Amino acid sequence: MEKVKSPEEGFTHWYDEDIHSAINPINYTQALIDEMGLKSGDVYLANGKAHQIESIDIAVDRLVLADPTVNHPQDARSGQWSVPITGLYQDWRQGKIDPATMDAVA
C-alpha cells in the first residue's frame, strides 16, 4: 500500500460522465484498491498496530486482515477479522494508516 500524498476528509464518489450514472459498485471498489495500490500480503499500521491483508473480496467490499506479529495460533491476538474496503480507503485518505516496513512490525 502506498502512502497517501494529501490526506483529505472523506472521499469523492466517482460518477461515469458518459452514461450519467453511478459506477458499478464492484468497479468502484476495484478503483479504490487500485488508487491505494493495495494487494494481498501488504502490511499497514493503524493506531500503532500492524495489519496484514490476507485476502481482498471486491464483490462484498471486504478485506480479511490478520496480525502479522503473531506466530502462535493459541496467542490471544491471533485470528482474522474483516474490514470494509471503503472504510479503509477513507482512513487512508485521512492519513490514519501508513504502509509498514519490516522494521515497524518486528
N, C-alpha and C. Protein backbone atom coordinates (compact mmCIF):
# COMPACT_ATOMS: atom_id res chain seq x y z
N MET A 1 0.85 -1.17 0.00
CA MET A 1 0.00 0.00 0.00
C MET A 1 0.89 1.23 0.00
N GLU A 2 0.59 2.18 -0.86
CA GLU A 2 1.37 3.40 -0.94
C GLU A 2 0.91 4.39 0.11
N LYS A 3 1.81 5.30 0.49
CA LYS A 3 1.43 6.34 1.44
C LYS A 3 0.63 7.39 0.70
N VAL A 4 -0.47 7.83 1.30
CA VAL A 4 -1.32 8.84 0.66
C VAL A 4 -0.54 10.16 0.58
N LYS A 5 -0.70 10.86 -0.53
CA LYS A 5 0.07 12.08 -0.76
C LYS A 5 -0.56 13.31 -0.11
N SER A 6 -1.88 13.41 -0.12
CA SER A 6 -2.52 14.56 0.50
C SER A 6 -3.81 14.12 1.20
N PRO A 7 -3.74 13.87 2.51
CA PRO A 7 -4.93 13.41 3.22
C PRO A 7 -6.08 14.42 3.10
N GLU A 8 -7.27 13.91 2.92
CA GLU A 8 -8.46 14.74 2.82
C GLU A 8 -9.53 14.14 3.71
N GLU A 9 -10.48 14.94 4.10
CA GLU A 9 -11.63 14.42 4.83
C GLU A 9 -12.54 13.74 3.83
N GLY A 10 -12.99 12.54 4.16
CA GLY A 10 -13.91 11.82 3.27
C GLY A 10 -13.23 11.41 1.98
N PHE A 11 -14.03 11.11 0.99
CA PHE A 11 -13.50 10.76 -0.32
C PHE A 11 -14.56 11.04 -1.37
N THR A 12 -14.12 11.15 -2.61
CA THR A 12 -15.00 11.51 -3.71
C THR A 12 -15.66 10.27 -4.28
N HIS A 13 -16.94 10.33 -4.51
CA HIS A 13 -17.65 9.24 -5.19
C HIS A 13 -17.54 9.48 -6.69
N TRP A 14 -17.11 8.45 -7.37
CA TRP A 14 -16.94 8.60 -8.82
C TRP A 14 -18.25 8.46 -9.55
N TYR A 15 -18.31 9.15 -10.66
CA TYR A 15 -19.53 9.20 -11.47
C TYR A 15 -19.10 9.04 -12.91
N ASP A 16 -19.80 8.19 -13.67
CA ASP A 16 -19.47 7.96 -15.08
C ASP A 16 -20.17 9.01 -15.93
N GLU A 17 -19.42 9.99 -16.40
CA GLU A 17 -20.00 11.08 -17.18
C GLU A 17 -20.59 10.60 -18.51
N ASP A 18 -20.03 9.53 -19.08
CA ASP A 18 -20.51 9.05 -20.37
C ASP A 18 -21.93 8.51 -20.30
N ILE A 19 -22.25 7.80 -19.22
CA ILE A 19 -23.60 7.23 -19.12
C ILE A 19 -24.46 7.92 -18.06
N HIS A 20 -23.89 8.94 -17.43
CA HIS A 20 -24.62 9.75 -16.44
C HIS A 20 -25.25 8.92 -15.34
N SER A 21 -24.46 8.02 -14.80
CA SER A 21 -24.94 7.22 -13.66
C SER A 21 -23.75 6.81 -12.80
N ALA A 22 -24.07 6.30 -11.63
CA ALA A 22 -23.02 5.87 -10.71
C ALA A 22 -22.29 4.66 -11.29
N ILE A 23 -21.02 4.56 -10.96
CA ILE A 23 -20.21 3.43 -11.41
C ILE A 23 -20.63 2.17 -10.65
N ASN A 24 -20.59 1.04 -11.33
CA ASN A 24 -20.89 -0.27 -10.72
C ASN A 24 -20.09 -0.42 -9.43
N PRO A 25 -20.75 -0.87 -8.33
CA PRO A 25 -20.04 -0.97 -7.03
C PRO A 25 -18.76 -1.81 -7.08
N ILE A 26 -18.75 -2.87 -7.89
CA ILE A 26 -17.53 -3.69 -7.98
C ILE A 26 -16.42 -2.90 -8.65
N ASN A 27 -16.75 -2.17 -9.71
CA ASN A 27 -15.75 -1.33 -10.37
C ASN A 27 -15.27 -0.22 -9.45
N TYR A 28 -16.18 0.33 -8.67
CA TYR A 28 -15.86 1.39 -7.71
C TYR A 28 -14.87 0.86 -6.67
N THR A 29 -15.18 -0.29 -6.10
CA THR A 29 -14.30 -0.89 -5.09
C THR A 29 -12.93 -1.20 -5.68
N GLN A 30 -12.90 -1.72 -6.91
CA GLN A 30 -11.64 -2.01 -7.58
C GLN A 30 -10.84 -0.73 -7.79
N ALA A 31 -11.51 0.36 -8.12
CA ALA A 31 -10.83 1.64 -8.31
C ALA A 31 -10.19 2.13 -7.00
N LEU A 32 -10.88 1.92 -5.87
CA LEU A 32 -10.31 2.30 -4.57
C LEU A 32 -9.05 1.49 -4.30
N ILE A 33 -9.11 0.19 -4.56
CA ILE A 33 -7.96 -0.70 -4.36
C ILE A 33 -6.80 -0.26 -5.23
N ASP A 34 -7.11 0.06 -6.50
CA ASP A 34 -6.06 0.49 -7.42
C ASP A 34 -5.42 1.80 -6.96
N GLU A 35 -6.24 2.73 -6.49
CA GLU A 35 -5.71 4.02 -6.04
C GLU A 35 -4.78 3.85 -4.84
N MET A 36 -5.13 2.94 -3.93
CA MET A 36 -4.28 2.70 -2.76
C MET A 36 -3.07 1.84 -3.09
N GLY A 37 -3.10 1.14 -4.24
CA GLY A 37 -2.01 0.22 -4.55
C GLY A 37 -2.05 -0.99 -3.65
N LEU A 38 -3.25 -1.41 -3.28
CA LEU A 38 -3.47 -2.47 -2.30
C LEU A 38 -3.36 -3.86 -2.92
N LYS A 39 -2.71 -4.78 -2.20
CA LYS A 39 -2.64 -6.17 -2.67
C LYS A 39 -2.52 -7.11 -1.47
N SER A 40 -2.87 -8.36 -1.67
CA SER A 40 -2.73 -9.35 -0.61
C SER A 40 -1.29 -9.40 -0.14
N GLY A 41 -1.10 -9.53 1.17
CA GLY A 41 0.24 -9.58 1.74
C GLY A 41 0.73 -8.24 2.22
N ASP A 42 0.10 -7.14 1.79
CA ASP A 42 0.50 -5.82 2.27
C ASP A 42 0.32 -5.73 3.78
N VAL A 43 1.20 -4.98 4.42
CA VAL A 43 1.10 -4.74 5.85
C VAL A 43 1.01 -3.23 6.03
N TYR A 44 0.08 -2.79 6.88
CA TYR A 44 -0.02 -1.37 7.17
C TYR A 44 -0.20 -1.17 8.67
N LEU A 45 0.08 0.04 9.12
CA LEU A 45 -0.06 0.38 10.53
C LEU A 45 -1.30 1.23 10.73
N ALA A 46 -2.12 0.86 11.71
CA ALA A 46 -3.29 1.64 12.10
C ALA A 46 -3.27 1.71 13.61
N ASN A 47 -3.25 2.92 14.15
CA ASN A 47 -3.18 3.12 15.60
C ASN A 47 -1.99 2.40 16.22
N GLY A 48 -0.88 2.37 15.51
CA GLY A 48 0.34 1.75 16.03
C GLY A 48 0.38 0.24 15.96
N LYS A 49 -0.66 -0.38 15.38
CA LYS A 49 -0.71 -1.84 15.29
C LYS A 49 -0.61 -2.27 13.84
N ALA A 50 0.10 -3.37 13.61
CA ALA A 50 0.27 -3.89 12.26
C ALA A 50 -0.92 -4.74 11.84
N HIS A 51 -1.32 -4.59 10.59
CA HIS A 51 -2.40 -5.37 10.00
C HIS A 51 -1.90 -5.89 8.66
N GLN A 52 -2.03 -7.18 8.44
CA GLN A 52 -1.63 -7.77 7.16
C GLN A 52 -2.87 -8.19 6.41
N ILE A 53 -2.91 -7.86 5.12
CA ILE A 53 -4.05 -8.19 4.29
C ILE A 53 -3.93 -9.64 3.82
N GLU A 54 -4.87 -10.46 4.26
CA GLU A 54 -4.88 -11.87 3.90
C GLU A 54 -5.61 -12.10 2.58
N SER A 55 -6.74 -11.41 2.40
CA SER A 55 -7.49 -11.55 1.14
C SER A 55 -8.32 -10.30 0.90
N ILE A 56 -8.65 -10.09 -0.37
CA ILE A 56 -9.44 -8.96 -0.81
C ILE A 56 -10.66 -9.50 -1.54
N ASP A 57 -11.85 -9.08 -1.12
CA ASP A 57 -13.08 -9.52 -1.78
C ASP A 57 -13.84 -8.28 -2.24
N ILE A 58 -13.65 -7.91 -3.51
CA ILE A 58 -14.28 -6.70 -4.01
C ILE A 58 -15.79 -6.85 -4.17
N ALA A 59 -16.27 -8.07 -4.35
CA ALA A 59 -17.70 -8.28 -4.56
C ALA A 59 -18.52 -7.89 -3.33
N VAL A 60 -17.96 -8.04 -2.15
CA VAL A 60 -18.68 -7.69 -0.92
C VAL A 60 -18.00 -6.56 -0.14
N ASP A 61 -17.03 -5.86 -0.78
CA ASP A 61 -16.37 -4.71 -0.17
C ASP A 61 -15.74 -5.06 1.17
N ARG A 62 -14.95 -6.15 1.22
CA ARG A 62 -14.32 -6.57 2.48
C ARG A 62 -12.86 -6.96 2.26
N LEU A 63 -12.06 -6.68 3.28
CA LEU A 63 -10.69 -7.18 3.38
C LEU A 63 -10.62 -8.10 4.58
N VAL A 64 -9.92 -9.22 4.45
CA VAL A 64 -9.65 -10.07 5.60
C VAL A 64 -8.25 -9.73 6.06
N LEU A 65 -8.13 -9.40 7.35
CA LEU A 65 -6.86 -8.97 7.93
C LEU A 65 -6.39 -9.95 9.00
N ALA A 66 -5.09 -9.93 9.25
CA ALA A 66 -4.50 -10.73 10.33
C ALA A 66 -3.38 -9.92 10.95
N ASP A 67 -3.02 -10.26 12.18
CA ASP A 67 -1.91 -9.62 12.87
C ASP A 67 -0.62 -10.35 12.47
N PRO A 68 0.27 -9.71 11.71
CA PRO A 68 1.49 -10.40 11.24
C PRO A 68 2.52 -10.62 12.33
N THR A 69 2.34 -10.03 13.51
CA THR A 69 3.33 -10.19 14.58
C THR A 69 3.04 -11.40 15.45
N VAL A 70 1.94 -12.10 15.18
CA VAL A 70 1.57 -13.27 15.98
C VAL A 70 1.89 -14.54 15.20
N ASN A 71 2.68 -15.41 15.79
CA ASN A 71 3.08 -16.66 15.12
C ASN A 71 2.33 -17.86 15.66
N HIS A 72 1.89 -17.75 16.87
CA HIS A 72 1.33 -18.92 17.54
C HIS A 72 -0.19 -18.90 17.47
N PRO A 73 -0.83 -19.96 16.96
CA PRO A 73 -2.28 -19.95 16.79
C PRO A 73 -3.08 -19.85 18.09
N GLN A 74 -2.44 -20.15 19.24
CA GLN A 74 -3.15 -20.05 20.51
C GLN A 74 -2.93 -18.71 21.20
N ASP A 75 -2.16 -17.84 20.57
CA ASP A 75 -1.96 -16.50 21.10
C ASP A 75 -3.31 -15.77 21.10
N ALA A 76 -3.57 -15.01 22.14
CA ALA A 76 -4.87 -14.32 22.27
C ALA A 76 -5.09 -13.31 21.15
N ARG A 77 -4.00 -12.83 20.55
CA ARG A 77 -4.16 -11.83 19.48
C ARG A 77 -4.31 -12.47 18.11
N SER A 78 -4.15 -13.77 18.01
CA SER A 78 -4.20 -14.40 16.69
C SER A 78 -5.61 -14.40 16.15
N GLY A 79 -5.72 -14.72 14.90
CA GLY A 79 -7.03 -14.76 14.28
C GLY A 79 -7.14 -13.76 13.17
N GLN A 80 -8.29 -13.78 12.54
CA GLN A 80 -8.53 -12.90 11.42
C GLN A 80 -9.79 -12.10 11.68
N TRP A 81 -9.88 -10.97 11.06
CA TRP A 81 -11.08 -10.15 11.12
C TRP A 81 -11.23 -9.47 9.76
N SER A 82 -12.35 -8.84 9.53
CA SER A 82 -12.53 -8.18 8.25
C SER A 82 -12.93 -6.73 8.45
N VAL A 83 -12.63 -5.92 7.44
CA VAL A 83 -12.99 -4.50 7.44
C VAL A 83 -13.49 -4.15 6.04
N PRO A 84 -14.34 -3.13 5.93
CA PRO A 84 -14.78 -2.71 4.61
C PRO A 84 -13.67 -1.97 3.86
N ILE A 85 -13.56 -2.23 2.58
CA ILE A 85 -12.55 -1.56 1.75
C ILE A 85 -12.81 -0.06 1.72
N THR A 86 -14.09 0.33 1.62
CA THR A 86 -14.41 1.76 1.57
C THR A 86 -14.00 2.46 2.87
N GLY A 87 -14.14 1.79 4.00
CA GLY A 87 -13.70 2.36 5.28
C GLY A 87 -12.19 2.50 5.34
N LEU A 88 -11.48 1.49 4.85
CA LEU A 88 -10.02 1.55 4.82
C LEU A 88 -9.57 2.70 3.92
N TYR A 89 -10.23 2.86 2.78
CA TYR A 89 -9.88 3.94 1.85
C TYR A 89 -10.06 5.30 2.52
N GLN A 90 -11.15 5.47 3.25
CA GLN A 90 -11.40 6.74 3.91
C GLN A 90 -10.32 7.02 4.95
N ASP A 91 -9.95 6.03 5.76
CA ASP A 91 -8.88 6.19 6.74
C ASP A 91 -7.56 6.51 6.04
N TRP A 92 -7.30 5.86 4.93
CA TRP A 92 -6.07 6.07 4.15
C TRP A 92 -6.01 7.51 3.65
N ARG A 93 -7.12 8.02 3.10
CA ARG A 93 -7.17 9.38 2.58
C ARG A 93 -6.99 10.40 3.72
N GLN A 94 -7.44 10.08 4.90
CA GLN A 94 -7.33 10.98 6.04
C GLN A 94 -5.97 10.86 6.73
N GLY A 95 -5.10 9.97 6.23
CA GLY A 95 -3.76 9.82 6.79
C GLY A 95 -3.72 9.04 8.09
N LYS A 96 -4.76 8.25 8.38
CA LYS A 96 -4.82 7.49 9.63
C LYS A 96 -4.07 6.16 9.56
N ILE A 97 -3.70 5.71 8.35
CA ILE A 97 -2.94 4.48 8.22
C ILE A 97 -1.72 4.74 7.34
N ASP A 98 -0.67 3.98 7.59
CA ASP A 98 0.57 4.11 6.86
C ASP A 98 1.07 2.74 6.44
N PRO A 99 1.80 2.68 5.32
CA PRO A 99 2.43 1.41 4.98
C PRO A 99 3.43 1.03 6.06
N ALA A 100 3.55 -0.23 6.35
CA ALA A 100 4.51 -0.70 7.36
C ALA A 100 5.77 -1.19 6.67
N THR A 101 6.85 -1.18 7.42
CA THR A 101 8.09 -1.78 6.93
C THR A 101 8.38 -2.98 7.83
N MET A 102 9.31 -3.80 7.43
CA MET A 102 9.66 -4.95 8.27
C MET A 102 10.15 -4.48 9.64
N ASP A 103 10.84 -3.33 9.70
CA ASP A 103 11.31 -2.80 10.98
C ASP A 103 10.13 -2.43 11.89
N ALA A 104 9.05 -1.94 11.28
CA ALA A 104 7.91 -1.48 12.07
C ALA A 104 7.16 -2.62 12.71
N VAL A 105 7.16 -3.79 12.08
CA VAL A 105 6.40 -4.90 12.62
C VAL A 105 7.25 -5.91 13.38
N ALA A 106 8.57 -5.73 13.36
CA ALA A 106 9.46 -6.67 14.04
C ALA A 106 9.40 -6.49 15.54
